[in-house]
Amino acid sequence: MDILKQLFRNFNSSPLRRKNDIEEILNNHTESLKNKGFEVVSVIPKEKSSLILYRHFYDDIPKEEERRIFLGIRVITRKGKKLGRDPMLNAFFNENFTSISLEDIEMEKELVNQGYGGILLSTLIDIAKKRNINRISGWISNVDGDHWDRLEHFYKNHNFEVIRYEDRENNRKIGDIVWNNAPMS
């Protein structure tokens, strides 16, 4: 008998089942995130991948007193975790927990325009609504000026008002974004 056939005989008789492999990878990443202090918000199945939406909480601060909001998405493909940094959203509550300031949504260039930013921003809006917060604000930096149109479209799709400053060249801040959930009078 051929030595290779003998070595791989059992391997050929039990093919891998993809669904179970993906579920095991998801379970491993979910447990890993939980062990690092993250709360898994949801697992979102996609056509070619699954997403683990998570939020970080500090152990020594009660959740309702947590000022920082760190949201992330772990992208799991059929081959395992997508390489690179997870898409992240950073924000914080103001002193009296009546508004949220959005600091940044960060992601690798190859992950842009795949819906991850929308998931993160929608989750932030959900957090605001659950906490009866009617305002999220932030600003657009000069470093984002080369993709202003894309940012304007993105924020307007999520019901933000986008205010563009005329003198964009000499300012770090070239625009504001504001989401208001207050009823119109």
Protein backbone atom coordinates (compact mmCIF):
# COMPACT_ATOMS: atom_id res chain seq x y z
CA MET A 1 0.00 0.00 0.00
CA ASP A 2 1.21 3.50 -0.81
CA ILE A 3 2.51 5.22 2.34
CA LEU A 4 0.61 8.48 1.63
CA LYS A 5 -2.68 6.63 1.15
CA GLN A 6 -2.08 4.83 4.40
CA LEU A 7 -1.30 8.07 6.28
CA PHE A 8 -4.31 9.96 4.92
CA ARG A 9 -6.76 7.06 4.74
CA ASN A 10 -8.85 8.25 7.70
CA PHE A 11 -8.61 11.83 6.60
CA ASN A 12 -10.33 11.08 3.29
CA SER A 13 -13.15 9.14 4.90
CA SER A 14 -14.45 12.03 7.03
CA PRO A 15 -14.69 15.27 5.06
CA LEU A 16 -14.81 18.54 6.97
CA ARG A 17 -18.22 20.04 7.51
CA ARG A 18 -17.89 23.77 6.86
CA LYS A 19 -20.83 24.89 9.00
CA ASN A 20 -19.45 23.30 12.14
CA ASP A 21 -15.99 24.73 11.43
CA ILE A 22 -17.39 28.27 11.16
CA GLU A 23 -19.46 27.79 14.31
CA GLU A 24 -16.39 26.61 16.20
CA ILE A 25 -14.35 29.60 14.99
CA LEU A 26 -17.21 31.94 16.02
CA ASN A 27 -17.43 30.29 19.43
CA ASN A 28 -13.66 30.57 19.95
CA HIS A 29 -13.62 34.27 19.01
CA THR A 30 -16.72 34.98 21.10
CA GLU A 31 -15.12 33.37 24.17
CA SER A 32 -11.82 35.16 23.51
CA LEU A 33 -13.60 38.54 23.35
CA LYS A 34 -15.53 37.82 26.56
CA ASN A 35 -12.31 36.83 28.33
CA LYS A 36 -10.80 40.21 27.35
CA GLY A 37 -13.64 42.18 28.96
CA PHE A 38 -15.91 42.60 25.94
CA GLU A 39 -19.64 42.02 25.87
CA VAL A 40 -20.85 40.30 22.72
CA VAL A 41 -23.79 42.37 21.52
CA SER A 42 -24.74 40.09 18.63
CA VAL A 43 -23.51 37.66 16.00
CA ILE A 44 -24.56 38.70 12.52
CA PRO A 45 -24.52 36.08 9.75
CA LYS A 46 -23.57 37.37 6.30
CA GLU A 47 -23.37 35.65 2.94
CA LYS A 48 -19.61 35.03 2.98
CA SER A 49 -18.78 35.77 6.62
CA SER A 50 -20.15 36.24 10.11
CA LEU A 51 -19.70 39.31 12.27
CA ILE A 52 -19.28 39.47 16.03
CA LEU A 53 -20.45 42.88 17.27
CA TYR A 54 -18.95 43.63 20.66
CA ARG A 55 -18.64 46.38 23.26
CA HIS A 56 -15.96 46.89 25.87
CA PHE A 57 -16.81 47.54 29.50
CA TYR A 58 -14.33 48.10 32.32
CA ASP A 59 -14.71 45.63 35.19
CA ASP A 60 -14.43 48.24 37.93
CA ILE A 61 -17.13 50.59 36.58
CA PRO A 62 -20.85 49.73 36.68
CA LYS A 63 -22.24 49.56 33.12
CA GLU A 64 -24.69 52.41 33.67
CA GLU A 65 -21.79 54.66 34.80
CA GLU A 66 -19.43 53.77 31.95
CA ARG A 67 -18.54 57.00 30.11
CA ARG A 68 -16.59 55.49 27.21
CA ILE A 69 -18.28 53.61 24.40
CA PHE A 70 -16.02 51.22 22.52
CA LEU A 71 -17.75 49.14 19.85
CA GLY A 72 -16.06 46.72 17.50
CA ILE A 73 -16.77 44.15 14.83
CA ARG A 74 -14.79 40.94 14.49
CA VAL A 75 -15.09 39.73 10.89
CA ILE A 76 -15.00 35.93 10.61
CA THR A 77 -14.70 34.44 7.13
CA ARG A 78 -14.79 30.80 6.08
CA LYS A 79 -11.00 30.82 6.44
CA GLY A 80 -11.05 32.32 9.92
CA LYS A 81 -10.63 35.86 11.27
CA LYS A 82 -10.16 38.56 8.69
CA LEU A 83 -6.66 39.92 8.98
CA GLY A 84 -6.07 43.45 10.16
CA ARG A 85 -7.69 45.49 12.90
CA ASP A 86 -11.34 45.11 13.73
CA PRO A 87 -13.59 48.02 12.66
CA MET A 88 -14.03 50.18 15.78
CA LEU A 89 -16.23 53.04 16.98
CA ASN A 90 -15.13 55.28 19.85
CA ALA A 91 -17.50 57.65 21.61
CA PHE A 92 -18.25 58.96 25.08
CA PHE A 93 -21.13 60.23 27.20
CA ASN A 94 -20.99 63.84 28.38
CA GLU A 95 -20.78 64.56 32.13
CA ASN A 96 -24.47 64.26 32.92
CA PHE A 97 -25.22 61.48 30.39
CA THR A 98 -27.52 63.66 28.26
CA SER A 99 -25.56 63.44 25.00
CA ILE A 100 -22.91 61.36 23.25
CA SER A 101 -19.83 62.63 21.44
CA LEU A 102 -18.68 60.46 18.56
CA GLU A 103 -14.89 60.50 18.35
CA ASP A 104 -14.09 58.19 15.47
CA ILE A 105 -15.02 55.21 13.38
CA GLU A 106 -11.84 53.41 12.35
CA MET A 107 -11.33 50.60 9.87
CA GLU A 108 -8.85 49.21 7.42
CA LYS A 109 -9.25 50.52 3.86
CA GLU A 110 -10.20 47.10 2.48
CA LEU A 111 -13.17 46.97 4.89
CA VAL A 112 -14.63 50.35 3.87
CA ASN A 113 -18.01 50.30 2.05
CA GLN A 114 -18.98 46.87 3.36
CA GLY A 115 -21.55 48.04 5.91
CA TYR A 116 -19.41 47.76 9.05
CA GLY A 117 -19.49 51.48 9.81
CA GLY A 118 -23.27 51.46 9.46
CA ILE A 119 -23.58 48.58 11.93
CA LEU A 120 -21.37 50.40 14.43
CA LEU A 121 -23.20 53.73 14.06
CA SER A 122 -26.64 52.08 14.25
CA THR A 123 -25.55 50.35 17.45
CA LEU A 124 -24.45 53.69 18.91
CA ILE A 125 -27.84 55.17 18.01
CA ASP A 126 -29.54 52.19 19.71
CA ILE A 127 -27.46 52.81 22.85
CA ALA A 128 -28.55 56.47 22.80
CA LYS A 129 -32.21 55.56 22.41
CA LYS A 130 -32.09 52.98 25.23
CA ARG A 131 -30.52 55.57 27.53
CA ASN A 132 -33.08 58.24 26.46
CA ILE A 133 -30.31 60.34 24.95
CA ASN A 134 -31.51 62.56 22.14
CA ARG A 135 -28.23 63.92 20.78
CA ILE A 136 -25.08 62.48 19.26
CA SER A 137 -22.53 64.91 17.89
CA GLY A 138 -19.07 64.85 16.44
CA TRP A 139 -16.89 66.55 13.90
CA ILE A 140 -15.16 65.77 10.67
CA SER A 141 -11.42 66.24 10.68
CA ASN A 142 -9.29 67.77 7.97
CA VAL A 143 -7.63 64.36 7.44
CA ASP A 144 -11.03 63.11 6.22
CA GLY A 145 -11.36 65.90 3.64
CA ASP A 146 -10.40 63.65 0.73
CA HIS A 147 -13.53 61.53 1.28
CA TRP A 148 -15.97 64.22 2.42
CA ASP A 149 -18.70 63.19 -0.04
CA ARG A 150 -18.64 59.59 1.18
CA LEU A 151 -18.78 60.72 4.84
CA GLU A 152 -21.61 63.17 4.15
CA HIS A 153 -23.62 60.42 2.41
CA PHE A 154 -22.90 57.95 5.23
CA TYR A 155 -23.97 60.26 8.06
CA LYS A 156 -27.04 61.57 6.23
CA ASN A 157 -28.14 57.95 5.67
CA HIS A 158 -28.13 57.59 9.45
CA ASN A 159 -30.19 60.76 9.97
CA PHE A 160 -27.32 63.02 10.98
CA GLU A 161 -27.19 66.65 9.99
CA VAL A 162 -23.87 67.36 8.28
CA ILE A 163 -22.53 70.91 8.49
CA ARG A 164 -19.64 71.79 6.22
CA TYR A 165 -17.34 74.69 7.06
CA GLU A 166 -16.40 77.06 4.27
CA ASP A 167 -12.78 77.58 5.40
CA ARG A 168 -11.73 73.95 5.31
CA GLU A 169 -8.10 74.40 4.33
CA ASN A 170 -6.77 75.97 7.53
CA ASN A 171 -8.78 74.12 10.16
CA ARG A 172 -8.40 70.73 11.82
CA LYS A 173 -12.18 70.65 12.04
CA ILE A 174 -13.88 70.92 8.64
CA GLY A 175 -17.43 69.97 9.58
CA ASP A 176 -19.86 68.93 12.29
CA ILE A 177 -22.26 66.01 12.49
CA VAL A 178 -25.33 66.02 14.70
CA TRP A 179 -28.03 63.41 15.33
CA ASN A 180 -31.11 64.59 17.21
CA ASN A 181 -33.81 62.24 18.33
CA ALA A 182 -35.88 64.94 20.01
CA PRO A 183 -39.45 65.25 18.73
CA MET A 184 -39.95 68.11 16.30
CA SER A 185 -42.21 70.90 17.60
